[in-house]
Amino acid sequence: MTDTTTTAPQAQKRKLNFHLLGPLFALIALIILGACLNSNFLSYGNVTNVLARSAFIGIIAVGMTFVITSGGIDLSVGSMAAFIAGVMILSMNSLIPIMGVGVPVIIMGMLIAAISGFAAGWLNGFLIAKVRIEAFIVTLGTMGIYRSLVTWLADGGTLSLSFDLRGIYRPVYYDGIFGISWPIIVFAAVAIIGEITMRHTRFGRHCSAIGANQQVAVYSAIKVNRVRIATYALLGVLVGLATIMYVPRLGSASGSTGVLWELEAIAAVIIGGTALKGGTGRVWGTVIGVLILSLIDNILNLASIVSPYLNGTIQGVIVILAVVLQREKKTAD
């Protein structure tokens, strides 16, 4: 009798630990595989390049973690980033005759990006929470709206930042401290703050409660609509922040900017262990998910195993497998 009562909780605990540590084991396996396939994989240049390029998706994925944890989804983040980048570039170019070429114009552009992201995210949240339209429908619609708007603003071409401003803005992406670029530093800061918020604040607990059972959350006096709108607004701000770090890399925006970013962000969240139906969110797991996707992309490019044009296919397969594994775990429990 004693053996039965003690082994069951232990087996459950082992299952839970494996589920939590599974993404970490996968990340370690990928690092070992990459090092075996290419001697330059662990070089400083390659590592920093992978981290810097994954920072954009990582920042967005942290916000996506809160949205999915609360039972939502956002398919518009890639198009939103393109639209924000376009508005940001047009605004900075138009401010040059008024403010001149200098840091104040860059700061104004950053503020415009953050405000635009907040407004776009808040609009998504308002339509979902207040107008009561399904999140899938709302964000699918705004995905098309933002993508068409930036294409219209660019007149079907590319919006380019003034050459004089590029030299001032480039350090935001290419410079840093102690050999670590600013996008990596910002991503790390966002991830740390996001993990603390999810684990140790009322907002994080409310997100989990709403995702687990919205009706119970209402009975518990949680302001469901306010929290849900806040998650989308937060995601919008983080999309704006990611765009701020992205624009100095190329100094341009077009209708193809941010394509498949929503897939990568959602994939990273699901791979990291956040439940697609909500209720359970892990920001640290999302960070690992981002790194896994980036390393897969990097390994495929370095080893030339498959065409880089198939990366989207591989990411899609990973998302489907991650959801299937989550469902099987839930069934087993």
C-alpha atoms as a PDB file:
ATOM      1  CA  MET A   1       0.000   0.000   0.000  1.00  0.00           C
ATOM      2  CA  THR A   2       2.862   2.342   0.880  1.00  0.00           C
ATOM      3  CA  ASP A   3       4.611   1.673  -2.412  1.00  0.00           C
ATOM      4  CA  THR A   4       1.489   2.598  -4.383  1.00  0.00           C
ATOM      5  CA  THR A   5       0.946   5.905  -2.613  1.00  0.00           C
ATOM      6  CA  THR A   6       4.568   6.991  -2.929  1.00  0.00           C
ATOM      7  CA  THR A   7       5.378   5.875  -6.450  1.00  0.00           C
ATOM      8  CA  ALA A   8       2.395   7.554  -8.136  1.00  0.00           C
ATOM      9  CA  PRO A   9       3.353  11.109  -7.096  1.00  0.00           C
ATOM     10  CA  GLN A  10       6.974  10.369  -7.936  1.00  0.00           C
ATOM     11  CA  ALA A  11       6.047   9.179 -11.429  1.00  0.00           C
ATOM     12  CA  GLN A  12       3.899  12.264 -11.914  1.00  0.00           C
ATOM     13  CA  LYS A  13       6.770  14.461 -10.774  1.00  0.00           C
ATOM     14  CA  ARG A  14       9.151  12.768 -13.222  1.00  0.00           C
ATOM     15  CA  LYS A  15       6.670  13.382 -16.051  1.00  0.00           C
ATOM     16  CA  LEU A  16       6.371  17.026 -15.045  1.00  0.00           C
ATOM     17  CA  ASN A  17      10.133  17.490 -14.819  1.00  0.00           C
ATOM     18  CA  PHE A  18      10.641  15.931 -18.244  1.00  0.00           C
ATOM     19  CA  HIS A  19       7.943  18.171 -19.714  1.00  0.00           C
ATOM     20  CA  LEU A  20       9.596  21.248 -18.199  1.00  0.00           C
ATOM     21  CA  LEU A  21      13.156  20.275 -19.096  1.00  0.00           C
ATOM     22  CA  GLY A  22      12.389  18.778 -22.510  1.00  0.00           C
ATOM     23  CA  PRO A  23      12.962  22.056 -24.429  1.00  0.00           C
ATOM     24  CA  LEU A  24      16.239  22.568 -22.572  1.00  0.00           C
ATOM     25  CA  PHE A  25      17.431  19.076 -23.506  1.00  0.00           C
ATOM     26  CA  ALA A  26      16.476  19.771 -27.127  1.00  0.00           C
ATOM     27  CA  LEU A  27      18.467  23.022 -27.073  1.00  0.00           C
ATOM     28  CA  ILE A  28      21.552  21.252 -25.696  1.00  0.00           C
ATOM     29  CA  ALA A  29      21.206  18.508 -28.332  1.00  0.00           C
ATOM     30  CA  LEU A  30      21.037  21.126 -31.098  1.00  0.00           C
ATOM     31  CA  ILE A  31      24.163  22.855 -29.804  1.00  0.00           C
ATOM     32  CA  ILE A  32      26.049  19.561 -29.800  1.00  0.00           C
ATOM     33  CA  LEU A  33      24.751  18.711 -33.285  1.00  0.00           C
ATOM     34  CA  GLY A  34      25.716  22.116 -34.665  1.00  0.00           C
ATOM     35  CA  ALA A  35      29.207  21.889 -33.197  1.00  0.00           C
ATOM     36  CA  CYS A  36      29.687  18.471 -34.785  1.00  0.00           C
ATOM     37  CA  LEU A  37      28.454  19.565 -38.217  1.00  0.00           C
ATOM     38  CA  ASN A  38      30.429  22.809 -38.494  1.00  0.00           C
ATOM     39  CA  SER A  39      33.556  23.940 -36.665  1.00  0.00           C
ATOM     40  CA  ASN A  40      32.453  27.589 -36.855  1.00  0.00           C
ATOM     41  CA  PHE A  41      29.133  26.949 -35.148  1.00  0.00           C
ATOM     42  CA  LEU A  42      30.363  27.899 -31.663  1.00  0.00           C
ATOM     43  CA  SER A  43      32.521  30.789 -32.843  1.00  0.00           C
ATOM     44  CA  TYR A  44      31.914  34.170 -31.239  1.00  0.00           C
ATOM     45  CA  GLY A  45      30.772  35.689 -34.523  1.00  0.00           C
ATOM     46  CA  ASN A  46      28.209  32.984 -35.242  1.00  0.00           C
ATOM     47  CA  VAL A  47      26.840  32.871 -31.685  1.00  0.00           C
ATOM     48  CA  THR A  48      26.364  36.636 -31.463  1.00  0.00           C
ATOM     49  CA  ASN A  49      24.834  36.699 -34.939  1.00  0.00           C
ATOM     50  CA  VAL A  50      22.289  34.009 -34.002  1.00  0.00           C
ATOM     51  CA  LEU A  51      21.389  35.788 -30.766  1.00  0.00           C
ATOM     52  CA  ALA A  52      21.075  39.205 -32.413  1.00  0.00           C
ATOM     53  CA  ARG A  53      18.890  37.929 -35.249  1.00  0.00           C
ATOM     54  CA  SER A  54      16.668  36.006 -32.816  1.00  0.00           C
ATOM     55  CA  ALA A  55      16.202  39.032 -30.563  1.00  0.00           C
ATOM     56  CA  PHE A  56      13.390  40.504 -32.695  1.00  0.00           C
ATOM     57  CA  ILE A  57      11.300  37.340 -32.573  1.00  0.00           C
ATOM     58  CA  GLY A  58      12.269  36.801 -28.938  1.00  0.00           C
ATOM     59  CA  ILE A  59      10.988  40.186 -27.807  1.00  0.00           C
ATOM     60  CA  ILE A  60       7.697  39.621 -29.630  1.00  0.00           C
ATOM     61  CA  ALA A  61       7.442  36.033 -28.352  1.00  0.00           C
ATOM     62  CA  VAL A  62       7.630  37.209 -24.730  1.00  0.00           C
ATOM     63  CA  GLY A  63       4.530  39.330 -25.326  1.00  0.00           C
ATOM     64  CA  MET A  64       2.889  36.470 -27.223  1.00  0.00           C
ATOM     65  CA  THR A  65       3.410  34.275 -24.155  1.00  0.00           C
ATOM     66  CA  PHE A  66       1.086  36.489 -22.109  1.00  0.00           C
ATOM     67  CA  VAL A  67      -1.528  36.559 -24.883  1.00  0.00           C
ATOM     68  CA  ILE A  68      -1.549  32.772 -25.346  1.00  0.00           C
ATOM     69  CA  THR A  69      -1.433  32.117 -21.599  1.00  0.00           C
ATOM     70  CA  SER A  70      -4.630  34.138 -21.203  1.00  0.00           C
ATOM     71  CA  GLY A  71      -6.295  32.065 -23.922  1.00  0.00           C
ATOM     72  CA  GLY A  72      -5.734  34.374 -26.899  1.00  0.00           C
ATOM     73  CA  ILE A  73      -3.738  34.396 -30.122  1.00  0.00           C
ATOM     74  CA  ASP A  74      -2.328  37.130 -32.354  1.00  0.00           C
ATOM     75  CA  LEU A  75      -1.651  36.456 -36.024  1.00  0.00           C
ATOM     76  CA  SER A  76      -0.966  40.100 -36.875  1.00  0.00           C
ATOM     77  CA  VAL A  77       2.412  40.728 -35.198  1.00  0.00           C
ATOM     78  CA  GLY A  78       4.501  40.357 -38.373  1.00  0.00           C
ATOM     79  CA  SER A  79       2.279  42.712 -40.366  1.00  0.00           C
ATOM     80  CA  MET A  80       2.074  45.024 -37.365  1.00  0.00           C
ATOM     81  CA  ALA A  81       5.883  45.218 -37.227  1.00  0.00           C
ATOM     82  CA  ALA A  82       6.020  46.083 -40.936  1.00  0.00           C
ATOM     83  CA  PHE A  83       3.382  48.808 -40.506  1.00  0.00           C
ATOM     84  CA  ILE A  84       5.121  50.268 -37.438  1.00  0.00           C
ATOM     85  CA  ALA A  85       8.467  50.250 -39.268  1.00  0.00           C
ATOM     86  CA  GLY A  86       6.883  52.080 -42.206  1.00  0.00           C
ATOM     87  CA  VAL A  87       5.228  54.700 -39.990  1.00  0.00           C
ATOM     88  CA  MET A  88       8.445  55.107 -38.022  1.00  0.00           C
ATOM     89  CA  ILE A  89      10.573  55.669 -41.136  1.00  0.00           C
ATOM     90  CA  LEU A  90       8.114  58.106 -42.702  1.00  0.00           C
ATOM     91  CA  SER A  91       7.846  60.041 -39.441  1.00  0.00           C
ATOM     92  CA  MET A  92      11.599  60.367 -38.964  1.00  0.00           C
ATOM     93  CA  ASN A  93      12.138  61.426 -42.571  1.00  0.00           C
ATOM     94  CA  SER A  94       9.400  64.065 -42.277  1.00  0.00           C
ATOM     95  CA  LEU A  95      10.865  65.419 -39.026  1.00  0.00           C
ATOM     96  CA  ILE A  96      14.292  66.135 -40.528  1.00  0.00           C
ATOM     97  CA  PRO A  97      13.295  69.548 -42.013  1.00  0.00           C
ATOM     98  CA  ILE A  98      11.825  70.546 -38.632  1.00  0.00           C
ATOM     99  CA  MET A  99      14.308  69.085 -36.123  1.00  0.00           C
ATOM    100  CA  GLY A 100      17.362  68.516 -38.300  1.00  0.00           C
ATOM    101  CA  VAL A 101      19.444  65.345 -38.501  1.00  0.00           C
ATOM    102  CA  GLY A 102      20.252  64.177 -35.008  1.00  0.00           C
ATOM    103  CA  VAL A 103      19.439  62.031 -32.002  1.00  0.00           C
ATOM    104  CA  PRO A 104      16.152  63.871 -31.183  1.00  0.00           C
ATOM    105  CA  VAL A 105      14.664  62.652 -34.466  1.00  0.00           C
ATOM    106  CA  ILE A 106      15.659  59.073 -33.606  1.00  0.00           C
ATOM    107  CA  ILE A 107      14.091  59.399 -30.149  1.00  0.00           C
ATOM    108  CA  MET A 108      10.881  60.758 -31.665  1.00  0.00           C
ATOM    109  CA  GLY A 109      10.837  57.828 -34.081  1.00  0.00           C
ATOM    110  CA  MET A 110      11.200  55.397 -31.195  1.00  0.00           C
ATOM    111  CA  LEU A 111       8.339  57.043 -29.307  1.00  0.00           C
ATOM    112  CA  ILE A 112       6.140  56.893 -32.409  1.00  0.00           C
ATOM    113  CA  ALA A 113       6.952  53.190 -32.813  1.00  0.00           C
ATOM    114  CA  ALA A 114       6.075  52.439 -29.180  1.00  0.00           C
ATOM    115  CA  ILE A 115       2.823  54.434 -29.342  1.00  0.00           C
ATOM    116  CA  SER A 116       1.856  52.868 -32.674  1.00  0.00           C
ATOM    117  CA  GLY A 117       2.496  49.395 -31.250  1.00  0.00           C
ATOM    118  CA  PHE A 118       0.435  50.141 -28.158  1.00  0.00           C
ATOM    119  CA  ALA A 119      -2.446  51.505 -30.254  1.00  0.00           C
ATOM    120  CA  ALA A 120      -2.421  48.534 -32.654  1.00  0.00           C
ATOM    121  CA  GLY A 121      -2.293  46.021 -29.810  1.00  0.00           C
ATOM    122  CA  TRP A 122      -4.984  47.837 -27.828  1.00  0.00           C
ATOM    123  CA  LEU A 123      -7.260  47.839 -30.873  1.00  0.00           C
ATOM    124  CA  ASN A 124      -6.876  44.072 -31.226  1.00  0.00           C
ATOM    125  CA  GLY A 125      -7.607  43.599 -27.527  1.00  0.00           C
ATOM    126  CA  PHE A 126     -10.616  45.929 -27.586  1.00  0.00           C
ATOM    127  CA  LEU A 127     -12.225  44.154 -30.539  1.00  0.00           C
ATOM    128  CA  ILE A 128     -11.652  40.780 -28.885  1.00  0.00           C
ATOM    129  CA  ALA A 129     -12.642  41.643 -25.308  1.00  0.00           C
ATOM    130  CA  LYS A 130     -15.311  44.305 -25.752  1.00  0.00           C
ATOM    131  CA  VAL A 131     -16.800  43.657 -29.200  1.00  0.00           C
ATOM    132  CA  ARG A 132     -16.436  39.903 -28.518  1.00  0.00           C
ATOM    133  CA  ILE A 133     -15.022  38.852 -31.875  1.00  0.00           C
ATOM    134  CA  GLU A 134     -12.871  35.723 -31.924  1.00  0.00           C
ATOM    135  CA  ALA A 135      -9.155  36.469 -31.568  1.00  0.00           C
ATOM    136  CA  PHE A 136      -8.366  34.414 -34.652  1.00  0.00           C
ATOM    137  CA  ILE A 137     -10.755  36.478 -36.789  1.00  0.00           C
ATOM    138  CA  VAL A 138      -9.675  39.856 -35.411  1.00  0.00           C
ATOM    139  CA  THR A 139      -5.945  39.297 -35.779  1.00  0.00           C
ATOM    140  CA  LEU A 140      -6.354  37.589 -39.148  1.00  0.00           C
ATOM    141  CA  GLY A 141      -8.170  40.712 -40.313  1.00  0.00           C
ATOM    142  CA  THR A 142      -5.671  43.172 -38.863  1.00  0.00           C
ATOM    143  CA  MET A 143      -2.841  41.102 -40.321  1.00  0.00           C
ATOM    144  CA  GLY A 144      -4.177  41.861 -43.779  1.00  0.00           C
ATOM    145  CA  ILE A 145      -4.927  45.483 -42.893  1.00  0.00           C
ATOM    146  CA  TYR A 146      -1.445  46.305 -41.574  1.00  0.00           C
ATOM    147  CA  ARG A 147       0.284  44.502 -44.442  1.00  0.00           C
ATOM    148  CA  SER A 148      -1.755  46.327 -47.067  1.00  0.00           C
ATOM    149  CA  LEU A 149      -1.280  49.681 -45.309  1.00  0.00           C
ATOM    150  CA  VAL A 150       2.515  49.469 -45.322  1.00  0.00           C
ATOM    151  CA  THR A 151       2.431  48.349 -48.969  1.00  0.00           C
ATOM    152  CA  TRP A 152       0.243  51.367 -49.738  1.00  0.00           C
ATOM    153  CA  LEU A 153       2.521  53.724 -47.824  1.00  0.00           C
ATOM    154  CA  ALA A 154       5.488  52.379 -49.796  1.00  0.00           C
ATOM    155  CA  ASP A 155       3.493  52.579 -53.047  1.00  0.00           C
ATOM    156  CA  GLY A 156       4.301  48.927 -53.657  1.00  0.00           C
ATOM    157  CA  GLY A 157       8.016  49.476 -53.152  1.00  0.00           C
ATOM    158  CA  THR A 158      10.300  50.110 -50.184  1.00  0.00           C
ATOM    159  CA  LEU A 159      10.341  52.856 -47.561  1.00  0.00           C
ATOM    160  CA  SER A 160      13.939  53.878 -46.841  1.00  0.00           C
ATOM    161  CA  LEU A 161      15.305  55.839 -43.920  1.00  0.00           C
ATOM    162  CA  SER A 162      17.244  58.985 -44.778  1.00  0.00           C
ATOM    163  CA  PHE A 163      20.906  58.182 -45.424  1.00  0.00           C
ATOM    164  CA  ASP A 164      21.996  60.841 -42.923  1.00  0.00           C
ATOM    165  CA  LEU A 165      19.889  59.272 -40.176  1.00  0.00           C
ATOM    166  CA  ARG A 166      21.135  55.750 -40.875  1.00  0.00           C
ATOM    167  CA  GLY A 167      24.613  56.569 -39.640  1.00  0.00           C
ATOM    168  CA  ILE A 168      23.202  57.831 -36.354  1.00  0.00           C
ATOM    169  CA  TYR A 169      20.700  54.993 -35.912  1.00  0.00           C
ATOM    170  CA  ARG A 170      22.924  52.037 -36.943  1.00  0.00           C
ATOM    171  CA  PRO A 171      24.643  51.710 -33.526  1.00  0.00           C
ATOM    172  CA  VAL A 172      21.307  50.729 -31.969  1.00  0.00           C
ATOM    173  CA  TYR A 173      21.630  47.396 -33.777  1.00  0.00           C
ATOM    174  CA  TYR A 174      25.365  46.998 -34.389  1.00  0.00           C
ATOM    175  CA  ASP A 175      26.861  48.433 -31.189  1.00  0.00           C
ATOM    176  CA  GLY A 176      26.547  47.357 -27.569  1.00  0.00           C
ATOM    177  CA  ILE A 177      28.538  46.915 -24.381  1.00  0.00           C
ATOM    178  CA  PHE A 178      31.170  44.299 -23.486  1.00  0.00           C
ATOM    179  CA  GLY A 179      30.904  42.900 -27.005  1.00  0.00           C
ATOM    180  CA  ILE A 180      27.182  42.186 -26.659  1.00  0.00           C
ATOM    181  CA  SER A 181      24.922  44.015 -29.115  1.00  0.00           C
ATOM    182  CA  TRP A 182      21.964  46.070 -27.936  1.00  0.00           C
ATOM    183  CA  PRO A 183      19.281  43.750 -29.393  1.00  0.00           C
ATOM    184  CA  ILE A 184      20.644  40.869 -27.298  1.00  0.00           C
ATOM    185  CA  ILE A 185      20.732  43.038 -24.175  1.00  0.00           C
ATOM    186  CA  VAL A 186      17.189  44.311 -24.736  1.00  0.00           C
ATOM    187  CA  PHE A 187      15.914  40.778 -25.406  1.00  0.00           C
ATOM    188  CA  ALA A 188      17.520  39.520 -22.194  1.00  0.00           C
ATOM    189  CA  ALA A 189      16.027  42.407 -20.190  1.00  0.00           C
ATOM    190  CA  VAL A 190      12.551  41.847 -21.665  1.00  0.00           C
ATOM    191  CA  ALA A 191      12.778  38.101 -20.946  1.00  0.00           C
ATOM    192  CA  ILE A 192      13.817  38.646 -17.314  1.00  0.00           C
ATOM    193  CA  ILE A 193      11.098  41.227 -16.690  1.00  0.00           C
ATOM    194  CA  GLY A 194       8.567  39.010 -18.469  1.00  0.00           C
ATOM    195  CA  GLU A 195       9.458  35.955 -16.358  1.00  0.00           C
ATOM    196  CA  ILE A 196       9.193  37.953 -13.130  1.00  0.00           C
ATOM    197  CA  THR A 197       5.869  39.425 -14.252  1.00  0.00           C
ATOM    198  CA  MET A 198       4.446  36.031 -15.195  1.00  0.00           C
ATOM    199  CA  ARG A 199       5.604  34.274 -12.033  1.00  0.00           C
ATOM    200  CA  HIS A 200       5.450  36.854  -9.274  1.00  0.00           C
ATOM    201  CA  THR A 201       2.820  39.487 -10.105  1.00  0.00           C
ATOM    202  CA  ARG A 202      -0.953  39.662  -9.962  1.00  0.00           C
ATOM    203  CA  PHE A 203      -1.085  40.356 -13.699  1.00  0.00           C
ATOM    204  CA  GLY A 204       0.726  37.116 -14.503  1.00  0.00           C
ATOM    205  CA  ARG A 205      -1.500  35.088 -12.173  1.00  0.00           C
ATOM    206  CA  HIS A 206      -4.597  36.664 -13.688  1.00  0.00           C
ATOM    207  CA  CYS A 207      -3.420  35.749 -17.200  1.00  0.00           C
ATOM    208  CA  SER A 208      -3.047  32.126 -16.156  1.00  0.00           C
ATOM    209  CA  ALA A 209      -6.411  32.107 -14.368  1.00  0.00           C
ATOM    210  CA  ILE A 210      -8.259  33.535 -17.390  1.00  0.00           C
ATOM    211  CA  GLY A 211      -6.610  31.056 -19.739  1.00  0.00           C
ATOM    212  CA  ALA A 212      -7.379  28.112 -17.461  1.00  0.00           C
ATOM    213  CA  ASN A 213     -11.063  28.957 -16.931  1.00  0.00           C
ATOM    214  CA  GLN A 214     -12.503  32.325 -17.854  1.00  0.00           C
ATOM    215  CA  GLN A 215     -15.791  31.749 -16.025  1.00  0.00           C
ATOM    216  CA  VAL A 216     -14.024  30.907 -12.776  1.00  0.00           C
ATOM    217  CA  ALA A 217     -11.845  33.979 -13.244  1.00  0.00           C
ATOM    218  CA  VAL A 218     -14.974  36.135 -13.506  1.00  0.00           C
ATOM    219  CA  TYR A 219     -16.341  34.608 -10.296  1.00  0.00           C
ATOM    220  CA  SER A 220     -12.978  35.349  -8.659  1.00  0.00           C
ATOM    221  CA  ALA A 221     -13.506  39.076  -9.342  1.00  0.00           C
ATOM    222  CA  ILE A 222     -10.759  39.231 -11.976  1.00  0.00           C
ATOM    223  CA  LYS A 223     -11.401  41.993 -14.511  1.00  0.00           C
ATOM    224  CA  VAL A 224     -11.152  39.672 -17.484  1.00  0.00           C
ATOM    225  CA  ASN A 225     -11.673  42.245 -20.238  1.00  0.00           C
ATOM    226  CA  ARG A 226      -9.141  44.647 -18.756  1.00  0.00           C
ATOM    227  CA  VAL A 227      -6.489  41.936 -18.408  1.00  0.00           C
ATOM    228  CA  ARG A 228      -7.136  40.596 -21.900  1.00  0.00           C
ATOM    229  CA  ILE A 229      -6.843  44.055 -23.477  1.00  0.00           C
ATOM    230  CA  ALA A 230      -3.675  44.633 -21.450  1.00  0.00           C
ATOM    231  CA  THR A 231      -2.057  41.469 -22.838  1.00  0.00           C
ATOM    232  CA  TYR A 232      -2.627  42.587 -26.422  1.00  0.00           C
ATOM    233  CA  ALA A 233      -1.493  46.144 -25.645  1.00  0.00           C
ATOM    234  CA  LEU A 234       1.659  44.741 -24.021  1.00  0.00           C
ATOM    235  CA  LEU A 235       2.304  42.584 -27.077  1.00  0.00           C
ATOM    236  CA  GLY A 236       1.843  45.646 -29.298  1.00  0.00           C
ATOM    237  CA  VAL A 237       4.384  47.635 -27.284  1.00  0.00           C
ATOM    238  CA  LEU A 238       6.882  44.773 -27.543  1.00  0.00           C
ATOM    239  CA  VAL A 239       6.288  44.572 -31.304  1.00  0.00           C
ATOM    240  CA  GLY A 240       7.116  48.294 -31.368  1.00  0.00           C
ATOM    241  CA  LEU A 241      10.258  47.668 -29.329  1.00  0.00           C
ATOM    242  CA  ALA A 242      11.343  44.854 -31.651  1.00  0.00           C
ATOM    243  CA  THR A 243      10.777  47.168 -34.616  1.00  0.00           C
ATOM    244  CA  ILE A 244      12.900  49.855 -32.976  1.00  0.00           C
ATOM    245  CA  MET A 245      15.760  47.352 -32.814  1.00  0.00           C
ATOM    246  CA  TYR A 246      15.093  46.031 -36.332  1.00  0.00           C
ATOM    247  CA  VAL A 247      14.885  49.227 -38.410  1.00  0.00           C
ATOM    248  CA  PRO A 248      18.569  50.248 -38.011  1.00  0.00           C
ATOM    249  CA  ARG A 249      19.636  46.836 -39.341  1.00  0.00           C
ATOM    250  CA  LEU A 250      18.419  47.504 -42.894  1.00  0.00           C
ATOM    251  CA  GLY A 251      17.089  51.049 -42.666  1.00  0.00           C
ATOM    252  CA  SER A 252      14.004  50.159 -44.702  1.00  0.00           C
ATOM    253  CA  ALA A 253      10.542  48.629 -44.597  1.00  0.00           C
ATOM    254  CA  SER A 254       8.272  47.104 -47.226  1.00  0.00           C
ATOM    255  CA  GLY A 255       5.304  44.819 -47.664  1.00  0.00           C
ATOM    256  CA  SER A 256       7.595  41.820 -47.113  1.00  0.00           C
ATOM    257  CA  THR A 257       8.967  43.014 -43.763  1.00  0.00           C
ATOM    258  CA  GLY A 258       8.103  40.716 -40.869  1.00  0.00           C
ATOM    259  CA  VAL A 259       6.727  37.889 -43.021  1.00  0.00           C
ATOM    260  CA  LEU A 260       6.189  34.737 -40.901  1.00  0.00           C
ATOM    261  CA  TRP A 261       7.192  36.509 -37.695  1.00  0.00           C
ATOM    262  CA  GLU A 262       3.839  35.495 -36.207  1.00  0.00           C
ATOM    263  CA  LEU A 263       4.568  31.844 -36.999  1.00  0.00           C
ATOM    264  CA  GLU A 264       8.004  32.016 -35.399  1.00  0.00           C
ATOM    265  CA  ALA A 265       6.711  33.797 -32.294  1.00  0.00           C
ATOM    266  CA  ILE A 266       3.837  31.357 -31.777  1.00  0.00           C
ATOM    267  CA  ALA A 267       6.125  28.394 -32.471  1.00  0.00           C
ATOM    268  CA  ALA A 268       8.639  29.599 -29.883  1.00  0.00           C
ATOM    269  CA  VAL A 269       5.896  29.965 -27.267  1.00  0.00           C
ATOM    270  CA  ILE A 270       4.458  26.505 -27.909  1.00  0.00           C
ATOM    271  CA  ILE A 271       7.866  24.804 -28.062  1.00  0.00           C
ATOM    272  CA  GLY A 272       8.716  26.441 -24.736  1.00  0.00           C
ATOM    273  CA  GLY A 273       5.851  24.667 -22.998  1.00  0.00           C
ATOM    274  CA  THR A 274       3.108  27.297 -22.902  1.00  0.00           C
ATOM    275  CA  ALA A 275      -0.262  25.628 -23.439  1.00  0.00           C
ATOM    276  CA  LEU A 276      -1.844  26.684 -26.736  1.00  0.00           C
ATOM    277  CA  LYS A 277      -5.286  26.753 -25.095  1.00  0.00           C
ATOM    278  CA  GLY A 278      -4.006  28.914 -22.259  1.00  0.00           C
ATOM    279  CA  GLY A 279      -3.689  28.516 -18.510  1.00  0.00           C
ATOM    280  CA  THR A 280       0.029  27.756 -18.387  1.00  0.00           C
ATOM    281  CA  GLY A 281       2.758  30.169 -19.467  1.00  0.00           C
ATOM    282  CA  ARG A 282       6.542  29.962 -19.252  1.00  0.00           C
ATOM    283  CA  VAL A 283       8.561  32.940 -20.421  1.00  0.00           C
ATOM    284  CA  TRP A 284      11.859  31.153 -19.829  1.00  0.00           C
ATOM    285  CA  GLY A 285      10.560  28.301 -21.962  1.00  0.00           C
ATOM    286  CA  THR A 286       9.679  30.781 -24.703  1.00  0.00           C
ATOM    287  CA  VAL A 287      13.272  32.041 -24.677  1.00  0.00           C
ATOM    288  CA  ILE A 288      14.489  28.467 -25.137  1.00  0.00           C
ATOM    289  CA  GLY A 289      11.946  28.013 -27.937  1.00  0.00           C
ATOM    290  CA  VAL A 290      13.274  31.100 -29.724  1.00  0.00           C
ATOM    291  CA  LEU A 291      16.826  29.796 -29.446  1.00  0.00           C
ATOM    292  CA  ILE A 292      15.792  26.356 -30.719  1.00  0.00           C
ATOM    293  CA  LEU A 293      14.207  27.821 -33.835  1.00  0.00           C
ATOM    294  CA  SER A 294      17.183  30.122 -34.433  1.00  0.00           C
ATOM    295  CA  LEU A 295      19.671  27.276 -34.047  1.00  0.00           C
ATOM    296  CA  ILE A 296      17.714  25.038 -36.413  1.00  0.00           C
ATOM    297  CA  ASP A 297      17.765  27.825 -38.991  1.00  0.00           C
ATOM    298  CA  ASN A 298      21.466  28.439 -38.417  1.00  0.00           C
ATOM    299  CA  ILE A 299      22.403  24.745 -38.591  1.00  0.00           C
ATOM    300  CA  LEU A 300      20.462  24.289 -41.828  1.00  0.00           C
ATOM    301  CA  ASN A 301      22.262  27.264 -43.371  1.00  0.00           C
ATOM    302  CA  LEU A 302      25.743  26.242 -42.178  1.00  0.00           C
ATOM    303  CA  ALA A 303      25.392  22.573 -43.064  1.00  0.00           C
ATOM    304  CA  SER A 304      23.389  23.148 -46.271  1.00  0.00           C
ATOM    305  CA  ILE A 305      21.203  20.174 -45.351  1.00  0.00           C
ATOM    306  CA  VAL A 306      18.076  21.579 -47.004  1.00  0.00           C
ATOM    307  CA  SER A 307      17.221  24.748 -48.878  1.00  0.00           C
ATOM    308  CA  PRO A 308      16.811  27.809 -46.608  1.00  0.00           C
ATOM    309  CA  TYR A 309      13.503  28.413 -48.415  1.00  0.00           C
ATOM    310  CA  LEU A 310      12.127  25.392 -46.538  1.00  0.00           C
ATOM    311  CA  ASN A 311      12.716  26.900 -43.087  1.00  0.00           C
ATOM    312  CA  GLY A 312       9.069  27.969 -42.874  1.00  0.00           C
ATOM    313  CA  THR A 313       8.006  24.396 -43.623  1.00  0.00           C
ATOM    314  CA  ILE A 314      10.205  23.056 -40.853  1.00  0.00           C
ATOM    315  CA  GLN A 315       8.866  25.612 -38.367  1.00  0.00           C
ATOM    316  CA  GLY A 316       5.297  24.692 -39.278  1.00  0.00           C
ATOM    317  CA  VAL A 317       6.009  21.006 -38.712  1.00  0.00           C
ATOM    318  CA  ILE A 318       7.589  21.824 -35.341  1.00  0.00           C
ATOM    319  CA  VAL A 319       4.488  23.753 -34.257  1.00  0.00           C
ATOM    320  CA  ILE A 320       2.200  20.860 -35.196  1.00  0.00           C
ATOM    321  CA  LEU A 321       4.402  18.317 -33.378  1.00  0.00           C
ATOM    322  CA  ALA A 322       4.602  20.540 -30.275  1.00  0.00           C
ATOM    323  CA  VAL A 323       0.808  20.821 -30.121  1.00  0.00           C
ATOM    324  CA  VAL A 324       0.402  17.054 -30.626  1.00  0.00           C
ATOM    325  CA  LEU A 325       2.843  16.384 -27.776  1.00  0.00           C
ATOM    326  CA  GLN A 326       0.956  18.798 -25.524  1.00  0.00           C
ATOM    327  CA  ARG A 327      -2.329  17.038 -26.295  1.00  0.00           C
ATOM    328  CA  GLU A 328      -0.837  13.596 -25.634  1.00  0.00           C
ATOM    329  CA  LYS A 329       0.571  14.791 -22.325  1.00  0.00           C
ATOM    330  CA  LYS A 330      -2.828  16.186 -21.324  1.00  0.00           C
ATOM    331  CA  THR A 331      -4.509  12.888 -22.289  1.00  0.00           C
ATOM    332  CA  ALA A 332      -1.950  10.891 -20.309  1.00  0.00           C
ATOM    333  CA  ASP A 333      -2.473  13.109 -17.264  1.00  0.00           C
END
